[in-house]
Amino acid sequence: MILCEESYPEILDQICSYLTPGEVELVFINKDEMRELNRSERGIDKTTDVLSFPLELIVHAPLGSVVINKDMVKEKAAELNHSEEAETALLFTHGLLHILGFDHEKDDGQMREKECEVIAKFNLPKSLIVRSEDVRLIDLINKKG
């Protein structure tokens, strides 16, 4: 179940139920608020599209919070020619998987595999991890060329 004060795409409820029986808080903020949150929590002074914060030590609390940059949702959806709903679903999935313990920077592809499973089940566009891998591959090809 999702706890959110704003309206959000219905598909997020389906994704949440598919991945966990627990409650997850969902928060939408703008790019300036996201930059400040990223700076204060991670020491990185730039905005980002999604952050997640597990709350595993608090009994009877949500599993954690997924914070989505609504400005970047609009930008990325327009850039990649898909809906804001689809972009929000991708970011929510990515953040929720982090809350559930997945870490694409440390694992051997388990998070990418789970993201691809959700993408296929809910007919979503390319995931964050796949898009990042595409950019790295293009950079590598350009360096060799």
C-alpha atoms as a PDB file:
ATOM      1  CA  MET A   1       0.000   0.000   0.000  1.00  0.00           C
ATOM      2  CA  ILE A   2       1.220   3.483  -0.860  1.00  0.00           C
ATOM      3  CA  LEU A   3       0.952   6.398   1.548  1.00  0.00           C
ATOM      4  CA  CYS A   4       0.941   9.685  -0.377  1.00  0.00           C
ATOM      5  CA  GLU A   5      -0.642  13.096   0.106  1.00  0.00           C
ATOM      6  CA  GLU A   6      -0.750  13.804  -3.649  1.00  0.00           C
ATOM      7  CA  SER A   7      -2.416  11.971  -6.483  1.00  0.00           C
ATOM      8  CA  TYR A   8      -0.251   9.446  -8.308  1.00  0.00           C
ATOM      9  CA  PRO A   9      -0.653   6.983 -11.189  1.00  0.00           C
ATOM     10  CA  GLU A  10      -2.771   3.939 -10.250  1.00  0.00           C
ATOM     11  CA  ILE A  11      -0.160   1.607 -11.717  1.00  0.00           C
ATOM     12  CA  LEU A  12       2.062   2.382  -8.712  1.00  0.00           C
ATOM     13  CA  ASP A  13      -0.384   0.549  -6.432  1.00  0.00           C
ATOM     14  CA  GLN A  14      -0.130  -2.495  -8.683  1.00  0.00           C
ATOM     15  CA  ILE A  15       3.673  -2.349  -8.743  1.00  0.00           C
ATOM     16  CA  CYS A  16       3.818  -1.929  -4.973  1.00  0.00           C
ATOM     17  CA  SER A  17       1.492  -4.903  -4.396  1.00  0.00           C
ATOM     18  CA  TYR A  18       3.512  -6.993  -6.847  1.00  0.00           C
ATOM     19  CA  LEU A  19       6.800  -6.287  -5.042  1.00  0.00           C
ATOM     20  CA  THR A  20       5.791  -6.132  -1.372  1.00  0.00           C
ATOM     21  CA  PRO A  21       2.835  -6.510   0.997  1.00  0.00           C
ATOM     22  CA  GLY A  22       4.231  -3.635   3.072  1.00  0.00           C
ATOM     23  CA  GLU A  23       3.414   0.067   3.106  1.00  0.00           C
ATOM     24  CA  VAL A  24       5.615   2.567   1.281  1.00  0.00           C
ATOM     25  CA  GLU A  25       5.551   6.334   1.573  1.00  0.00           C
ATOM     26  CA  LEU A  26       5.646   8.245  -1.725  1.00  0.00           C
ATOM     27  CA  VAL A  27       6.680  11.902  -1.816  1.00  0.00           C
ATOM     28  CA  PHE A  28       6.883  14.241  -4.823  1.00  0.00           C
ATOM     29  CA  ILE A  29       9.213  17.250  -4.663  1.00  0.00           C
ATOM     30  CA  ASN A  30      10.691  19.723  -7.150  1.00  0.00           C
ATOM     31  CA  LYS A  31      14.253  19.764  -8.482  1.00  0.00           C
ATOM     32  CA  ASP A  32      15.510  22.369  -5.985  1.00  0.00           C
ATOM     33  CA  GLU A  33      14.116  20.434  -3.025  1.00  0.00           C
ATOM     34  CA  MET A  34      15.622  17.234  -4.449  1.00  0.00           C
ATOM     35  CA  ARG A  35      19.027  18.888  -4.805  1.00  0.00           C
ATOM     36  CA  GLU A  36      18.916  19.973  -1.163  1.00  0.00           C
ATOM     37  CA  LEU A  37      17.793  16.513  -0.024  1.00  0.00           C
ATOM     38  CA  ASN A  38      20.530  14.840  -2.084  1.00  0.00           C
ATOM     39  CA  ARG A  39      23.111  17.245  -0.631  1.00  0.00           C
ATOM     40  CA  SER A  40      21.989  16.793   2.980  1.00  0.00           C
ATOM     41  CA  GLU A  41      21.507  13.010   2.871  1.00  0.00           C
ATOM     42  CA  ARG A  42      24.191  11.860   0.436  1.00  0.00           C
ATOM     43  CA  GLY A  43      26.652  14.757   0.224  1.00  0.00           C
ATOM     44  CA  ILE A  44      26.037  15.103  -3.525  1.00  0.00           C
ATOM     45  CA  ASP A  45      25.324  18.695  -4.561  1.00  0.00           C
ATOM     46  CA  LYS A  46      23.084  18.093  -7.580  1.00  0.00           C
ATOM     47  CA  THR A  47      19.512  17.124  -8.228  1.00  0.00           C
ATOM     48  CA  THR A  48      18.522  13.560  -9.049  1.00  0.00           C
ATOM     49  CA  ASP A  49      15.361  11.848 -10.215  1.00  0.00           C
ATOM     50  CA  VAL A  50      14.599   9.512  -7.301  1.00  0.00           C
ATOM     51  CA  LEU A  51      15.867   8.809  -3.786  1.00  0.00           C
ATOM     52  CA  SER A  52      14.733   6.124  -1.393  1.00  0.00           C
ATOM     53  CA  PHE A  53      15.060   5.830   2.347  1.00  0.00           C
ATOM     54  CA  PRO A  54      14.454   2.476   4.073  1.00  0.00           C
ATOM     55  CA  LEU A  55      12.878   2.585   7.550  1.00  0.00           C
ATOM     56  CA  GLU A  56      13.578  -1.003   8.538  1.00  0.00           C
ATOM     57  CA  LEU A  57      14.257  -0.315  12.211  1.00  0.00           C
ATOM     58  CA  ILE A  58      10.873   1.229  13.030  1.00  0.00           C
ATOM     59  CA  VAL A  59       8.136  -1.269  13.936  1.00  0.00           C
ATOM     60  CA  HIS A  60       4.679  -0.700  12.377  1.00  0.00           C
ATOM     61  CA  ALA A  61       6.062   1.986  10.070  1.00  0.00           C
ATOM     62  CA  PRO A  62       6.189   2.001   6.282  1.00  0.00           C
ATOM     63  CA  LEU A  63       9.082   0.067   4.738  1.00  0.00           C
ATOM     64  CA  GLY A  64      10.531   3.385   3.649  1.00  0.00           C
ATOM     65  CA  SER A  65      10.055   6.473   1.532  1.00  0.00           C
ATOM     66  CA  VAL A  66      10.429   6.899  -2.207  1.00  0.00           C
ATOM     67  CA  VAL A  67      11.014  10.555  -3.108  1.00  0.00           C
ATOM     68  CA  ILE A  68      10.458  11.456  -6.771  1.00  0.00           C
ATOM     69  CA  ASN A  69      11.579  14.646  -8.510  1.00  0.00           C
ATOM     70  CA  LYS A  70       8.427  15.713 -10.372  1.00  0.00           C
ATOM     71  CA  ASP A  71      10.361  18.217 -12.524  1.00  0.00           C
ATOM     72  CA  MET A  72      12.666  15.480 -13.815  1.00  0.00           C
ATOM     73  CA  VAL A  73       9.666  13.206 -14.448  1.00  0.00           C
ATOM     74  CA  LYS A  74       8.333  15.795 -16.914  1.00  0.00           C
ATOM     75  CA  GLU A  75      11.750  16.363 -18.517  1.00  0.00           C
ATOM     76  CA  LYS A  76      12.623  12.666 -18.941  1.00  0.00           C
ATOM     77  CA  ALA A  77       9.166  11.703 -20.176  1.00  0.00           C
ATOM     78  CA  ALA A  78       9.345  14.399 -22.868  1.00  0.00           C
ATOM     79  CA  GLU A  79      12.958  13.543 -23.746  1.00  0.00           C
ATOM     80  CA  LEU A  80      12.261   9.805 -24.035  1.00  0.00           C
ATOM     81  CA  ASN A  81       8.829  10.245 -25.643  1.00  0.00           C
ATOM     82  CA  HIS A  82       6.773   8.328 -23.106  1.00  0.00           C
ATOM     83  CA  SER A  83       4.151   9.336 -20.558  1.00  0.00           C
ATOM     84  CA  GLU A  84       4.811  10.975 -17.204  1.00  0.00           C
ATOM     85  CA  GLU A  85       2.880   8.070 -15.680  1.00  0.00           C
ATOM     86  CA  ALA A  86       5.359   5.587 -17.185  1.00  0.00           C
ATOM     87  CA  GLU A  87       8.352   7.636 -16.004  1.00  0.00           C
ATOM     88  CA  THR A  88       6.874   7.890 -12.503  1.00  0.00           C
ATOM     89  CA  ALA A  89       6.298   4.122 -12.488  1.00  0.00           C
ATOM     90  CA  LEU A  90       9.934   3.489 -13.479  1.00  0.00           C
ATOM     91  CA  LEU A  91      11.252   5.803 -10.766  1.00  0.00           C
ATOM     92  CA  PHE A  92       8.917   4.340  -8.151  1.00  0.00           C
ATOM     93  CA  THR A  93       9.996   0.803  -9.088  1.00  0.00           C
ATOM     94  CA  HIS A  94      13.662   1.778  -8.899  1.00  0.00           C
ATOM     95  CA  GLY A  95      13.260   3.445  -5.502  1.00  0.00           C
ATOM     96  CA  LEU A  96      11.140   0.639  -4.074  1.00  0.00           C
ATOM     97  CA  LEU A  97      13.670  -1.990  -5.142  1.00  0.00           C
ATOM     98  CA  HIS A  98      16.355  -0.055  -3.248  1.00  0.00           C
ATOM     99  CA  ILE A  99      14.122  -0.036  -0.158  1.00  0.00           C
ATOM    100  CA  LEU A 100      13.709  -3.798  -0.549  1.00  0.00           C
ATOM    101  CA  GLY A 101      17.493  -4.231  -0.410  1.00  0.00           C
ATOM    102  CA  PHE A 102      18.513  -4.288  -4.071  1.00  0.00           C
ATOM    103  CA  ASP A 103      21.614  -2.297  -5.047  1.00  0.00           C
ATOM    104  CA  HIS A 104      22.568  -2.110  -8.725  1.00  0.00           C
ATOM    105  CA  GLU A 105      25.948  -0.592  -7.851  1.00  0.00           C
ATOM    106  CA  LYS A 106      26.958  -3.635  -5.784  1.00  0.00           C
ATOM    107  CA  ASP A 107      24.933  -6.639  -6.971  1.00  0.00           C
ATOM    108  CA  ASP A 108      25.561  -8.948  -9.914  1.00  0.00           C
ATOM    109  CA  GLY A 109      22.563  -7.819 -11.934  1.00  0.00           C
ATOM    110  CA  GLN A 110      19.799  -8.894  -9.548  1.00  0.00           C
ATOM    111  CA  MET A 111      18.252  -5.399  -9.397  1.00  0.00           C
ATOM    112  CA  ARG A 112      18.387  -5.014 -13.184  1.00  0.00           C
ATOM    113  CA  GLU A 113      16.741  -8.422 -13.539  1.00  0.00           C
ATOM    114  CA  LYS A 114      13.956  -7.508 -11.089  1.00  0.00           C
ATOM    115  CA  GLU A 115      13.408  -4.141 -12.810  1.00  0.00           C
ATOM    116  CA  CYS A 116      13.150  -5.921 -16.171  1.00  0.00           C
ATOM    117  CA  GLU A 117      10.599  -8.319 -14.648  1.00  0.00           C
ATOM    118  CA  VAL A 118       8.445  -5.392 -13.466  1.00  0.00           C
ATOM    119  CA  ILE A 119       8.877  -3.590 -16.808  1.00  0.00           C
ATOM    120  CA  ALA A 120       7.676  -6.656 -18.701  1.00  0.00           C
ATOM    121  CA  LYS A 121       4.756  -7.330 -16.341  1.00  0.00           C
ATOM    122  CA  PHE A 122       3.475  -3.739 -16.447  1.00  0.00           C
ATOM    123  CA  ASN A 123       4.522  -2.945 -20.039  1.00  0.00           C
ATOM    124  CA  LEU A 124       6.799  -0.048 -19.075  1.00  0.00           C
ATOM    125  CA  PRO A 125       9.588   1.579 -21.137  1.00  0.00           C
ATOM    126  CA  LYS A 126      13.325   1.043 -20.475  1.00  0.00           C
ATOM    127  CA  SER A 127      14.397   1.182 -16.840  1.00  0.00           C
ATOM    128  CA  LEU A 128      16.853   3.558 -15.222  1.00  0.00           C
ATOM    129  CA  ILE A 129      19.507   0.867 -15.050  1.00  0.00           C
ATOM    130  CA  VAL A 130      19.097  -0.110 -18.702  1.00  0.00           C
ATOM    131  CA  ARG A 131      19.166   3.563 -19.772  1.00  0.00           C
ATOM    132  CA  SER A 132      22.343   4.089 -17.717  1.00  0.00           C
ATOM    133  CA  GLU A 133      23.931   1.011 -19.273  1.00  0.00           C
ATOM    134  CA  ASP A 134      23.045   2.305 -22.756  1.00  0.00           C
ATOM    135  CA  VAL A 135      24.761   5.637 -21.997  1.00  0.00           C
ATOM    136  CA  ARG A 136      27.878   3.870 -20.640  1.00  0.00           C
ATOM    137  CA  LEU A 137      28.022   1.650 -23.728  1.00  0.00           C
ATOM    138  CA  ILE A 138      27.741   4.663 -26.057  1.00  0.00           C
ATOM    139  CA  ASP A 139      30.478   6.470 -24.085  1.00  0.00           C
ATOM    140  CA  LEU A 140      32.711   3.391 -24.335  1.00  0.00           C
ATOM    141  CA  ILE A 141      32.123   3.115 -28.093  1.00  0.00           C
ATOM    142  CA  ASN A 142      32.844   6.830 -28.559  1.00  0.00           C
ATOM    143  CA  LYS A 143      36.113   6.553 -26.601  1.00  0.00           C
ATOM    144  CA  LYS A 144      37.269   3.641 -28.778  1.00  0.00           C
ATOM    145  CA  GLY A 145      36.247   5.434 -31.998  1.00  0.00           C
END
